Amino acid sequence: MFSAQIYFKIYINDIVQYITRTNGIDPVSVGQTNLNCLLYAAADDIVLISRSKHGLQKCLNAVNEFSQAWHMPINTQKSNIQQKQQIYMNENFSLGGIKLDCVRKRPA
């Protein structure tokens, strides 16, 4: 049986393309490049990036749709919203209908 990390590495390009094709994700511009996600290839982690709360929720929805289509469940207990500023601390973000915690910095 394959581990989640193996599946993630197999489908990594597909998930990036799926997120990028999603309308309304409001990517962050860095020079001439638009960023909407970062991947941590050593594990099965993904960082979603957006300039707006609506765009971030669209990214979360896209990841959820992709994971359901490919039968790759996401552990929502290990998922959270991390932000540099506290502007969205009272907002509700969800992944597959499950509310995600908003944190100031990454949990240990």
PDB file of N, CA and C in Angstrom:
ATOM      1  N   MET A   1       0.842  -1.184   0.000  1.00  0.00           N
ATOM      2  CA  MET A   1       0.000   0.000   0.000  1.00  0.00           C
ATOM      3  C   MET A   1       0.887   1.246   0.000  1.00  0.00           C
ATOM      4  N   PHE A   2       0.520   2.218  -0.796  1.00  0.00           N
ATOM      5  CA  PHE A   2       1.276   3.462  -0.874  1.00  0.00           C
ATOM      6  C   PHE A   2       0.933   4.375   0.299  1.00  0.00           C
ATOM      7  N   SER A   3       1.910   5.155   0.736  1.00  0.00           N
ATOM      8  CA  SER A   3       1.663   6.135   1.793  1.00  0.00           C
ATOM      9  C   SER A   3       1.109   7.419   1.172  1.00  0.00           C
ATOM     10  N   ALA A   4       0.588   8.297   2.016  1.00  0.00           N
ATOM     11  CA  ALA A   4       0.068   9.582   1.540  1.00  0.00           C
ATOM     12  C   ALA A   4       1.163  10.383   0.847  1.00  0.00           C
ATOM     13  N   GLN A   5       2.398  10.277   1.328  1.00  0.00           N
ATOM     14  CA  GLN A   5       3.503  11.021   0.720  1.00  0.00           C
ATOM     15  C   GLN A   5       3.777  10.552  -0.702  1.00  0.00           C
ATOM     16  N   ILE A   6       3.669   9.254  -0.957  1.00  0.00           N
ATOM     17  CA  ILE A   6       3.880   8.728  -2.308  1.00  0.00           C
ATOM     18  C   ILE A   6       2.787   9.235  -3.238  1.00  0.00           C
ATOM     19  N   TYR A   7       1.528   9.137  -2.797  1.00  0.00           N
ATOM     20  CA  TYR A   7       0.421   9.648  -3.611  1.00  0.00           C
ATOM     21  C   TYR A   7       0.591  11.138  -3.888  1.00  0.00           C
ATOM     22  N   PHE A   8       0.988  11.892  -2.883  1.00  0.00           N
ATOM     23  CA  PHE A   8       1.168  13.328  -3.043  1.00  0.00           C
ATOM     24  C   PHE A   8       2.197  13.613  -4.130  1.00  0.00           C
ATOM     25  N   LYS A   9       3.300  12.897  -4.112  1.00  0.00           N
ATOM     26  CA  LYS A   9       4.350  13.113  -5.110  1.00  0.00           C
ATOM     27  C   LYS A   9       3.882  12.718  -6.508  1.00  0.00           C
ATOM     28  N   ILE A  10       3.033  11.698  -6.607  1.00  0.00           N
ATOM     29  CA  ILE A  10       2.507  11.283  -7.906  1.00  0.00           C
ATOM     30  C   ILE A  10       1.587  12.357  -8.484  1.00  0.00           C
ATOM     31  N   TYR A  11       0.739  12.937  -7.647  1.00  0.00           N
ATOM     32  CA  TYR A  11      -0.279  13.880  -8.109  1.00  0.00           C
ATOM     33  C   TYR A  11       0.084  15.351  -7.915  1.00  0.00           C
ATOM     34  N   ILE A  12       1.303  15.636  -7.512  1.00  0.00           N
ATOM     35  CA  ILE A  12       1.706  16.995  -7.160  1.00  0.00           C
ATOM     36  C   ILE A  12       1.488  18.005  -8.303  1.00  0.00           C
ATOM     37  N   ASN A  13       1.872  17.662  -9.500  1.00  0.00           N
ATOM     38  CA  ASN A  13       1.693  18.584 -10.627  1.00  0.00           C
ATOM     39  C   ASN A  13       0.224  18.786 -10.942  1.00  0.00           C
ATOM     40  N   ASP A  14      -0.560  17.731 -10.843  1.00  0.00           N
ATOM     41  CA  ASP A  14      -1.988  17.835 -11.134  1.00  0.00           C
ATOM     42  C   ASP A  14      -2.703  18.757 -10.154  1.00  0.00           C
ATOM     43  N   ILE A  15      -2.369  18.671  -8.882  1.00  0.00           N
ATOM     44  CA  ILE A  15      -3.055  19.515  -7.902  1.00  0.00           C
ATOM     45  C   ILE A  15      -2.694  20.988  -8.098  1.00  0.00           C
ATOM     46  N   VAL A  16      -1.443  21.269  -8.441  1.00  0.00           N
ATOM     47  CA  VAL A  16      -1.036  22.656  -8.708  1.00  0.00           C
ATOM     48  C   VAL A  16      -1.804  23.193  -9.907  1.00  0.00           C
ATOM     49  N   GLN A  17      -1.895  22.416 -10.970  1.00  0.00           N
ATOM     50  CA  GLN A  17      -2.633  22.853 -12.161  1.00  0.00           C
ATOM     51  C   GLN A  17      -4.112  23.040 -11.855  1.00  0.00           C
ATOM     52  N   TYR A  18      -4.679  22.149 -11.057  1.00  0.00           N
ATOM     53  CA  TYR A  18      -6.092  22.239 -10.696  1.00  0.00           C
ATOM     54  C   TYR A  18      -6.367  23.531  -9.925  1.00  0.00           C
ATOM     55  N   ILE A  19      -5.525  23.840  -8.961  1.00  0.00           N
ATOM     56  CA  ILE A  19      -5.692  25.068  -8.183  1.00  0.00           C
ATOM     57  C   ILE A  19      -5.532  26.288  -9.087  1.00  0.00           C
ATOM     58  N   THR A  20      -4.513  26.275  -9.937  1.00  0.00           N
ATOM     59  CA  THR A  20      -4.226  27.413 -10.826  1.00  0.00           C
ATOM     60  C   THR A  20      -5.385  27.695 -11.778  1.00  0.00           C
ATOM     61  N   ARG A  21      -6.078  26.654 -12.228  1.00  0.00           N
ATOM     62  CA  ARG A  21      -7.200  26.833 -13.167  1.00  0.00           C
ATOM     63  C   ARG A  21      -8.485  27.278 -12.479  1.00  0.00           C
ATOM     64  N   THR A  22      -8.509  27.302 -11.158  1.00  0.00           N
ATOM     65  CA  THR A  22      -9.709  27.690 -10.415  1.00  0.00           C
ATOM     66  C   THR A  22      -9.916  29.195 -10.516  1.00  0.00           C
ATOM     67  N   ASN A  23     -11.117  29.604 -10.874  1.00  0.00           N
ATOM     68  CA  ASN A  23     -11.435  31.026 -10.985  1.00  0.00           C
ATOM     69  C   ASN A  23     -11.592  31.657  -9.606  1.00  0.00           C
ATOM     70  N   GLY A  24     -11.091  32.891  -9.467  1.00  0.00           N
ATOM     71  CA  GLY A  24     -11.310  33.663  -8.251  1.00  0.00           C
ATOM     72  C   GLY A  24     -10.360  33.370  -7.112  1.00  0.00           C
ATOM     73  N   ILE A  25      -9.196  32.754  -7.377  1.00  0.00           N
ATOM     74  CA  ILE A  25      -8.287  32.411  -6.282  1.00  0.00           C
ATOM     75  C   ILE A  25      -7.455  33.593  -5.807  1.00  0.00           C
ATOM     76  N   ASP A  26      -7.402  34.665  -6.582  1.00  0.00           N
ATOM     77  CA  ASP A  26      -6.741  35.912  -6.180  1.00  0.00           C
ATOM     78  C   ASP A  26      -5.291  35.689  -5.731  1.00  0.00           C
ATOM     79  N   PRO A  27      -4.428  35.220  -6.652  1.00  0.00           N
ATOM     80  CA  PRO A  27      -3.042  34.893  -6.276  1.00  0.00           C
ATOM     81  C   PRO A  27      -2.230  36.114  -5.858  1.00  0.00           C
ATOM     82  N   VAL A  28      -1.142  35.844  -5.162  1.00  0.00           N
ATOM     83  CA  VAL A  28      -0.201  36.873  -4.738  1.00  0.00           C
ATOM     84  C   VAL A  28       0.826  37.056  -5.847  1.00  0.00           C
ATOM     85  N   SER A  29       1.093  38.290  -6.240  1.00  0.00           N
ATOM     86  CA  SER A  29       2.089  38.567  -7.276  1.00  0.00           C
ATOM     87  C   SER A  29       3.452  38.793  -6.651  1.00  0.00           C
ATOM     88  N   VAL A  30       4.445  38.068  -7.155  1.00  0.00           N
ATOM     89  CA  VAL A  30       5.839  38.244  -6.752  1.00  0.00           C
ATOM     90  C   VAL A  30       6.611  38.482  -8.032  1.00  0.00           C
ATOM     91  N   GLY A  31       6.954  39.747  -8.290  1.00  0.00           N
ATOM     92  CA  GLY A  31       7.567  40.084  -9.568  1.00  0.00           C
ATOM     93  C   GLY A  31       6.582  39.796 -10.692  1.00  0.00           C
ATOM     94  N   GLN A  32       7.000  38.979 -11.658  1.00  0.00           N
ATOM     95  CA  GLN A  32       6.140  38.610 -12.780  1.00  0.00           C
ATOM     96  C   GLN A  32       5.397  37.294 -12.543  1.00  0.00           C
ATOM     97  N   THR A  33       5.530  36.728 -11.346  1.00  0.00           N
ATOM     98  CA  THR A  33       4.947  35.421 -11.044  1.00  0.00           C
ATOM     99  C   THR A  33       3.759  35.547 -10.111  1.00  0.00           C
ATOM    100  N   ASN A  34       2.681  34.839 -10.435  1.00  0.00           N
ATOM    101  CA  ASN A  34       1.518  34.753  -9.558  1.00  0.00           C
ATOM    102  C   ASN A  34       1.610  33.465  -8.756  1.00  0.00           C
ATOM    103  N   LEU A  35       1.568  33.581  -7.434  1.00  0.00           N
ATOM    104  CA  LEU A  35       1.638  32.417  -6.550  1.00  0.00           C
ATOM    105  C   LEU A  35       0.284  32.149  -5.925  1.00  0.00           C
ATOM    106  N   ASN A  36      -0.128  30.881  -5.960  1.00  0.00           N
ATOM    107  CA  ASN A  36      -1.353  30.484  -5.274  1.00  0.00           C
ATOM    108  C   ASN A  36      -1.123  29.293  -4.362  1.00  0.00           C
ATOM    109  N   CYS A  37       0.048  28.642  -4.497  1.00  0.00           N
ATOM    110  CA  CYS A  37       0.363  27.549  -3.584  1.00  0.00           C
ATOM    111  C   CYS A  37       1.855  27.278  -3.590  1.00  0.00           C
ATOM    112  N   LEU A  38       2.322  26.763  -2.478  1.00  0.00           N
ATOM    113  CA  LEU A  38       3.706  26.316  -2.325  1.00  0.00           C
ATOM    114  C   LEU A  38       3.645  24.864  -1.872  1.00  0.00           C
ATOM    115  N   LEU A  39       4.591  24.083  -2.311  1.00  0.00           N
ATOM    116  CA  LEU A  39       4.597  22.665  -1.983  1.00  0.00           C
ATOM    117  C   LEU A  39       5.824  22.316  -1.173  1.00  0.00           C
ATOM    118  N   TYR A  40       5.635  21.477  -0.194  1.00  0.00           N
ATOM    119  CA  TYR A  40       6.740  20.960   0.584  1.00  0.00           C
ATOM    120  C   TYR A  40       6.892  19.504   0.174  1.00  0.00           C
ATOM    121  N   ALA A  41       7.765  19.282  -0.795  1.00  0.00           N
ATOM    122  CA  ALA A  41       7.856  17.988  -1.457  1.00  0.00           C
ATOM    123  C   ALA A  41       8.411  16.883  -0.567  1.00  0.00           C
ATOM    124  N   ALA A  42       9.091  17.213   0.525  1.00  0.00           N
ATOM    125  CA  ALA A  42       9.635  16.177   1.399  1.00  0.00           C
ATOM    126  C   ALA A  42       8.531  15.489   2.192  1.00  0.00           C
ATOM    127  N   ALA A  43       7.376  16.096   2.234  1.00  0.00           N
ATOM    128  CA  ALA A  43       6.240  15.508   2.948  1.00  0.00           C
ATOM    129  C   ALA A  43       5.013  15.621   2.046  1.00  0.00           C
ATOM    130  N   ASP A  44       3.859  15.595   2.637  1.00  0.00           N
ATOM    131  CA  ASP A  44       2.633  15.740   1.853  1.00  0.00           C
ATOM    132  C   ASP A  44       1.923  17.028   2.259  1.00  0.00           C
ATOM    133  N   ASP A  45       2.689  18.110   2.259  1.00  0.00           N
ATOM    134  CA  ASP A  45       2.176  19.410   2.701  1.00  0.00           C
ATOM    135  C   ASP A  45       2.012  20.357   1.523  1.00  0.00           C
ATOM    136  N   ILE A  46       1.022  21.222   1.651  1.00  0.00           N
ATOM    137  CA  ILE A  46       0.798  22.267   0.667  1.00  0.00           C
ATOM    138  C   ILE A  46       0.433  23.545   1.413  1.00  0.00           C
ATOM    139  N   VAL A  47       0.940  24.661   0.943  1.00  0.00           N
ATOM    140  CA  VAL A  47       0.615  25.970   1.501  1.00  0.00           C
ATOM    141  C   VAL A  47      -0.173  26.718   0.438  1.00  0.00           C
ATOM    142  N   LEU A  48      -1.380  27.119   0.765  1.00  0.00           N
ATOM    143  CA  LEU A  48      -2.219  27.870  -0.162  1.00  0.00           C
ATOM    144  C   LEU A  48      -2.055  29.353   0.133  1.00  0.00           C
ATOM    145  N   ILE A  49      -1.975  30.147  -0.927  1.00  0.00           N
ATOM    146  CA  ILE A  49      -1.720  31.578  -0.780  1.00  0.00           C
ATOM    147  C   ILE A  49      -2.764  32.361  -1.576  1.00  0.00           C
ATOM    148  N   SER A  50      -3.311  33.391  -0.957  1.00  0.00           N
ATOM    149  CA  SER A  50      -4.245  34.263  -1.658  1.00  0.00           C
ATOM    150  C   SER A  50      -4.211  35.644  -1.015  1.00  0.00           C
ATOM    151  N   ARG A  51      -4.568  36.654  -1.816  1.00  0.00           N
ATOM    152  CA  ARG A  51      -4.618  38.024  -1.300  1.00  0.00           C
ATOM    153  C   ARG A  51      -5.933  38.320  -0.599  1.00  0.00           C
ATOM    154  N   SER A  52      -6.925  37.440  -0.737  1.00  0.00           N
ATOM    155  CA  SER A  52      -8.236  37.718  -0.140  1.00  0.00           C
ATOM    156  C   SER A  52      -8.788  36.483   0.560  1.00  0.00           C
ATOM    157  N   LYS A  53      -9.710  36.712   1.481  1.00  0.00           N
ATOM    158  CA  LYS A  53     -10.345  35.591   2.180  1.00  0.00           C
ATOM    159  C   LYS A  53     -11.192  34.766   1.209  1.00  0.00           C
ATOM    160  N   HIS A  54     -11.834  35.426   0.275  1.00  0.00           N
ATOM    161  CA  HIS A  54     -12.637  34.714  -0.723  1.00  0.00           C
ATOM    162  C   HIS A  54     -11.732  33.831  -1.593  1.00  0.00           C
ATOM    163  N   GLY A  55     -10.587  34.378  -2.015  1.00  0.00           N
ATOM    164  CA  GLY A  55      -9.644  33.615  -2.821  1.00  0.00           C
ATOM    165  C   GLY A  55      -9.082  32.417  -2.074  1.00  0.00           C
ATOM    166  N   LEU A  56      -8.791  32.598  -0.787  1.00  0.00           N
ATOM    167  CA  LEU A  56      -8.275  31.494   0.019  1.00  0.00           C
ATOM    168  C   LEU A  56      -9.309  30.381   0.150  1.00  0.00           C
ATOM    169  N   GLN A  57     -10.563  30.749   0.372  1.00  0.00           N
ATOM    170  CA  GLN A  57     -11.604  29.720   0.467  1.00  0.00           C
ATOM    171  C   GLN A  57     -11.763  29.000  -0.864  1.00  0.00           C
ATOM    172  N   LYS A  58     -11.615  29.719  -1.982  1.00  0.00           N
ATOM    173  CA  LYS A  58     -11.672  29.077  -3.309  1.00  0.00           C
ATOM    174  C   LYS A  58     -10.536  28.072  -3.461  1.00  0.00           C
ATOM    175  N   CYS A  59      -9.338  28.415  -2.984  1.00  0.00           N
ATOM    176  CA  CYS A  59      -8.203  27.485  -3.018  1.00  0.00           C
ATOM    177  C   CYS A  59      -8.511  26.243  -2.183  1.00  0.00           C
ATOM    178  N   LEU A  60      -9.052  26.450  -0.987  1.00  0.00           N
ATOM    179  CA  LEU A  60      -9.414  25.327  -0.121  1.00  0.00           C
ATOM    180  C   LEU A  60     -10.452  24.429  -0.791  1.00  0.00           C
ATOM    181  N   ASN A  61     -11.434  25.046  -1.436  1.00  0.00           N
ATOM    182  CA  ASN A  61     -12.461  24.272  -2.142  1.00  0.00           C
ATOM    183  C   ASN A  61     -11.850  23.457  -3.275  1.00  0.00           C
ATOM    184  N   ALA A  62     -10.908  24.065  -4.001  1.00  0.00           N
ATOM    185  CA  ALA A  62     -10.253  23.364  -5.111  1.00  0.00           C
ATOM    186  C   ALA A  62      -9.458  22.160  -4.606  1.00  0.00           C
ATOM    187  N   VAL A  63      -8.729  22.334  -3.511  1.00  0.00           N
ATOM    188  CA  VAL A  63      -7.966  21.220  -2.929  1.00  0.00           C
ATOM    189  C   VAL A  63      -8.923  20.122  -2.472  1.00  0.00           C
ATOM    190  N   ASN A  64     -10.028  20.493  -1.861  1.00  0.00           N
ATOM    191  CA  ASN A  64     -11.003  19.501  -1.414  1.00  0.00           C
ATOM    192  C   ASN A  64     -11.597  18.736  -2.593  1.00  0.00           C
ATOM    193  N   GLU A  65     -11.972  19.449  -3.651  1.00  0.00           N
ATOM    194  CA  GLU A  65     -12.532  18.795  -4.843  1.00  0.00           C
ATOM    195  C   GLU A  65     -11.517  17.822  -5.447  1.00  0.00           C
ATOM    196  N   PHE A  66     -10.269  18.257  -5.560  1.00  0.00           N
ATOM    197  CA  PHE A  66      -9.221  17.414  -6.117  1.00  0.00           C
ATOM    198  C   PHE A  66      -9.013  16.173  -5.253  1.00  0.00           C
ATOM    199  N   SER A  67      -8.944  16.358  -3.953  1.00  0.00           N
ATOM    200  CA  SER A  67      -8.685  15.227  -3.055  1.00  0.00           C
ATOM    201  C   SER A  67      -9.840  14.224  -3.085  1.00  0.00           C
ATOM    202  N   GLN A  68     -11.061  14.709  -3.204  1.00  0.00           N
ATOM    203  CA  GLN A  68     -12.203  13.793  -3.295  1.00  0.00           C
ATOM    204  C   GLN A  68     -12.202  13.040  -4.615  1.00  0.00           C
ATOM    205  N   ALA A  69     -11.901  13.746  -5.710  1.00  0.00           N
ATOM    206  CA  ALA A  69     -11.894  13.105  -7.030  1.00  0.00           C
ATOM    207  C   ALA A  69     -10.856  11.986  -7.107  1.00  0.00           C
ATOM    208  N   TRP A  70      -9.723  12.164  -6.423  1.00  0.00           N
ATOM    209  CA  TRP A  70      -8.643  11.180  -6.473  1.00  0.00           C
ATOM    210  C   TRP A  70      -8.593  10.301  -5.219  1.00  0.00           C
ATOM    211  N   HIS A  71      -9.625  10.375  -4.376  1.00  0.00           N
ATOM    212  CA  HIS A  71      -9.716   9.546  -3.169  1.00  0.00           C
ATOM    213  C   HIS A  71      -8.471   9.678  -2.293  1.00  0.00           C
ATOM    214  N   MET A  72      -8.065  10.938  -2.094  1.00  0.00           N
ATOM    215  CA  MET A  72      -6.910  11.265  -1.252  1.00  0.00           C
ATOM    216  C   MET A  72      -7.405  12.128  -0.094  1.00  0.00           C
ATOM    217  N   PRO A  73      -7.813  11.518   1.001  1.00  0.00           N
ATOM    218  CA  PRO A  73      -8.372  12.298   2.112  1.00  0.00           C
ATOM    219  C   PRO A  73      -7.344  13.253   2.728  1.00  0.00           C
ATOM    220  N   ILE A  74      -7.848  14.375   3.195  1.00  0.00           N
ATOM    221  CA  ILE A  74      -7.012  15.376   3.860  1.00  0.00           C
ATOM    222  C   ILE A  74      -7.306  15.326   5.356  1.00  0.00           C
ATOM    223  N   ASN A  75      -6.269  15.302   6.146  1.00  0.00           N
ATOM    224  CA  ASN A  75      -6.421  15.293   7.596  1.00  0.00           C
ATOM    225  C   ASN A  75      -6.696  16.725   8.062  1.00  0.00           C
ATOM    226  N   THR A  76      -7.955  17.034   8.278  1.00  0.00           N
ATOM    227  CA  THR A  76      -8.323  18.397   8.672  1.00  0.00           C
ATOM    228  C   THR A  76      -7.871  18.724  10.089  1.00  0.00           C
ATOM    229  N   GLN A  77      -7.563  17.712  10.892  1.00  0.00           N
ATOM    230  CA  GLN A  77      -7.065  17.981  12.243  1.00  0.00           C
ATOM    231  C   GLN A  77      -5.636  18.510  12.209  1.00  0.00           C
ATOM    232  N   LYS A  78      -4.933  18.273  11.113  1.00  0.00           N
ATOM    233  CA  LYS A  78      -3.579  18.799  10.953  1.00  0.00           C
ATOM    234  C   LYS A  78      -3.556  20.006  10.027  1.00  0.00           C
ATOM    235  N   SER A  79      -4.713  20.478   9.619  1.00  0.00           N
ATOM    236  CA  SER A  79      -4.821  21.608   8.701  1.00  0.00           C
ATOM    237  C   SER A  79      -5.254  22.849   9.466  1.00  0.00           C
ATOM    238  N   ASN A  80      -4.697  23.990   9.103  1.00  0.00           N
ATOM    239  CA  ASN A  80      -5.094  25.239   9.753  1.00  0.00           C
ATOM    240  C   ASN A  80      -4.826  26.413   8.830  1.00  0.00           C
ATOM    241  N   ILE A  81      -5.347  27.543   9.225  1.00  0.00           N
ATOM    242  CA  ILE A  81      -5.123  28.799   8.514  1.00  0.00           C
ATOM    243  C   ILE A  81      -4.093  29.574   9.311  1.00  0.00           C
ATOM    244  N   GLN A  82      -2.957  29.820   8.701  1.00  0.00           N
ATOM    245  CA  GLN A  82      -1.911  30.613   9.346  1.00  0.00           C
ATOM    246  C   GLN A  82      -1.815  31.933   8.602  1.00  0.00           C
ATOM    247  N   GLN A  83      -1.736  32.987   9.349  1.00  0.00           N
ATOM    248  CA  GLN A  83      -1.676  34.299   8.709  1.00  0.00           C
ATOM    249  C   GLN A  83      -0.648  35.193   9.387  1.00  0.00           C
ATOM    250  N   LYS A  84      -0.119  36.065   8.588  1.00  0.00           N
ATOM    251  CA  LYS A  84       0.884  36.995   9.106  1.00  0.00           C
ATOM    252  C   LYS A  84       0.239  38.085   9.953  1.00  0.00           C
ATOM    253  N   GLN A  85      -0.917  38.535   9.522  1.00  0.00           N
ATOM    254  CA  GLN A  85      -1.658  39.548  10.261  1.00  0.00           C
ATOM    255  C   GLN A  85      -2.953  38.925  10.766  1.00  0.00           C
ATOM    256  N   GLN A  86      -3.550  39.505  11.770  1.00  0.00           N
ATOM    257  CA  GLN A  86      -4.751  38.934  12.372  1.00  0.00           C
ATOM    258  C   GLN A  86      -6.044  39.392  11.711  1.00  0.00           C
ATOM    259  N   ILE A  87      -6.002  39.773  10.462  1.00  0.00           N
ATOM    260  CA  ILE A  87      -7.192  40.343   9.832  1.00  0.00           C
ATOM    261  C   ILE A  87      -8.322  39.339   9.619  1.00  0.00           C
ATOM    262  N   TYR A  88      -8.001  38.041   9.559  1.00  0.00           N
ATOM    263  CA  TYR A  88      -9.041  37.041   9.322  1.00  0.00           C
ATOM    264  C   TYR A  88      -9.258  36.119  10.519  1.00  0.00           C
ATOM    265  N   MET A  89      -8.793  36.479  11.699  1.00  0.00           N
ATOM    266  CA  MET A  89      -8.889  35.599  12.860  1.00  0.00           C
ATOM    267  C   MET A  89     -10.337  35.238  13.207  1.00  0.00           C
ATOM    268  N   ASN A  90     -11.288  36.101  12.904  1.00  0.00           N
ATOM    269  CA  ASN A  90     -12.685  35.826  13.214  1.00  0.00           C
ATOM    270  C   ASN A  90     -13.454  35.275  12.028  1.00  0.00           C
ATOM    271  N   GLU A  91     -12.761  35.001  10.934  1.00  0.00           N
ATOM    272  CA  GLU A  91     -13.399  34.445   9.748  1.00  0.00           C
ATOM    273  C   GLU A  91     -13.501  32.934   9.864  1.00  0.00           C
ATOM    274  N   ASN A  92     -14.443  32.368   9.152  1.00  0.00           N
ATOM    275  CA  ASN A  92     -14.592  30.917   9.108  1.00  0.00           C
ATOM    276  C   ASN A  92     -14.092  30.399   7.766  1.00  0.00           C
ATOM    277  N   PHE A  93     -13.042  29.608   7.808  1.00  0.00           N
ATOM    278  CA  PHE A  93     -12.532  28.921   6.629  1.00  0.00           C
ATOM    279  C   PHE A  93     -12.797  27.439   6.832  1.00  0.00           C
ATOM    280  N   SER A  94     -13.182  26.758   5.755  1.00  0.00           N
ATOM    281  CA  SER A  94     -13.486  25.337   5.902  1.00  0.00           C
ATOM    282  C   SER A  94     -12.879  24.530   4.765  1.00  0.00           C
ATOM    283  N   LEU A  95     -12.694  23.270   5.059  1.00  0.00           N
ATOM    284  CA  LEU A  95     -12.177  22.314   4.084  1.00  0.00           C
ATOM    285  C   LEU A  95     -13.112  21.117   4.122  1.00  0.00           C
ATOM    286  N   GLY A  96     -13.872  20.953   3.061  1.00  0.00           N
ATOM    287  CA  GLY A  96     -14.842  19.859   3.025  1.00  0.00           C
ATOM    288  C   GLY A  96     -15.922  20.001   4.073  1.00  0.00           C
ATOM    289  N   GLY A  97     -16.307  21.224   4.394  1.00  0.00           N
ATOM    290  CA  GLY A  97     -17.348  21.473   5.382  1.00  0.00           C
ATOM    291  C   GLY A  97     -16.865  21.467   6.820  1.00  0.00           C
ATOM    292  N   ILE A  98     -15.577  21.226   7.035  1.00  0.00           N
ATOM    293  CA  ILE A  98     -15.020  21.209   8.390  1.00  0.00           C
ATOM    294  C   ILE A  98     -14.268  22.507   8.631  1.00  0.00           C
ATOM    295  N   LYS A  99     -14.649  23.229   9.698  1.00  0.00           N
ATOM    296  CA  LYS A  99     -14.032  24.514  10.019  1.00  0.00           C
ATOM    297  C   LYS A  99     -12.567  24.310  10.385  1.00  0.00           C
ATOM    298  N   LEU A 100     -11.706  25.148   9.829  1.00  0.00           N
ATOM    299  CA  LEU A 100     -10.278  25.113  10.137  1.00  0.00           C
ATOM    300  C   LEU A 100      -9.947  26.200  11.154  1.00  0.00           C
ATOM    301  N   ASP A 101      -9.034  25.905  12.058  1.00  0.00           N
ATOM    302  CA  ASP A 101      -8.601  26.888  13.043  1.00  0.00           C
ATOM    303  C   ASP A 101      -7.716  27.945  12.382  1.00  0.00           C
ATOM    304  N   CYS A 102      -7.880  29.191  12.791  1.00  0.00           N
ATOM    305  CA  CYS A 102      -6.998  30.277  12.378  1.00  0.00           C
ATOM    306  C   CYS A 102      -5.957  30.450  13.469  1.00  0.00           C
ATOM    307  N   VAL A 103      -4.700  30.378  13.105  1.00  0.00           N
ATOM    308  CA  VAL A 103      -3.611  30.494  14.082  1.00  0.00           C
ATOM    309  C   VAL A 103      -2.682  31.623  13.672  1.00  0.00           C
ATOM    310  N   ARG A 104      -2.013  32.202  14.649  1.00  0.00           N
ATOM    311  CA  ARG A 104      -1.064  33.286  14.402  1.00  0.00           C
ATOM    312  C   ARG A 104       0.251  32.737  13.866  1.00  0.00           C
ATOM    313  N   LYS A 105       0.710  31.595  14.372  1.00  0.00           N
ATOM    314  CA  LYS A 105       1.913  30.964  13.862  1.00  0.00           C
ATOM    315  C   LYS A 105       1.711  29.456  13.834  1.00  0.00           C
ATOM    316  N   ARG A 106       2.535  28.783  13.085  1.00  0.00           N
ATOM    317  CA  ARG A 106       2.399  27.362  12.869  1.00  0.00           C
ATOM    318  C   ARG A 106       2.467  26.581  14.179  1.00  0.00           C
ATOM    319  N   PRO A 107       1.490  25.675  14.425  1.00  0.00           N
ATOM    320  CA  PRO A 107       1.544  24.848  15.624  1.00  0.00           C
ATOM    321  C   PRO A 107       2.751  23.905  15.589  1.00  0.00           C
ATOM    322  N   ALA A 108       3.257  23.568  16.754  1.00  0.00           N
ATOM    323  CA  ALA A 108       4.419  22.656  16.828  1.00  0.00           C
ATOM    324  C   ALA A 108       4.031  21.239  16.504  1.00  0.00           C
TER     325      ALA A 108
END
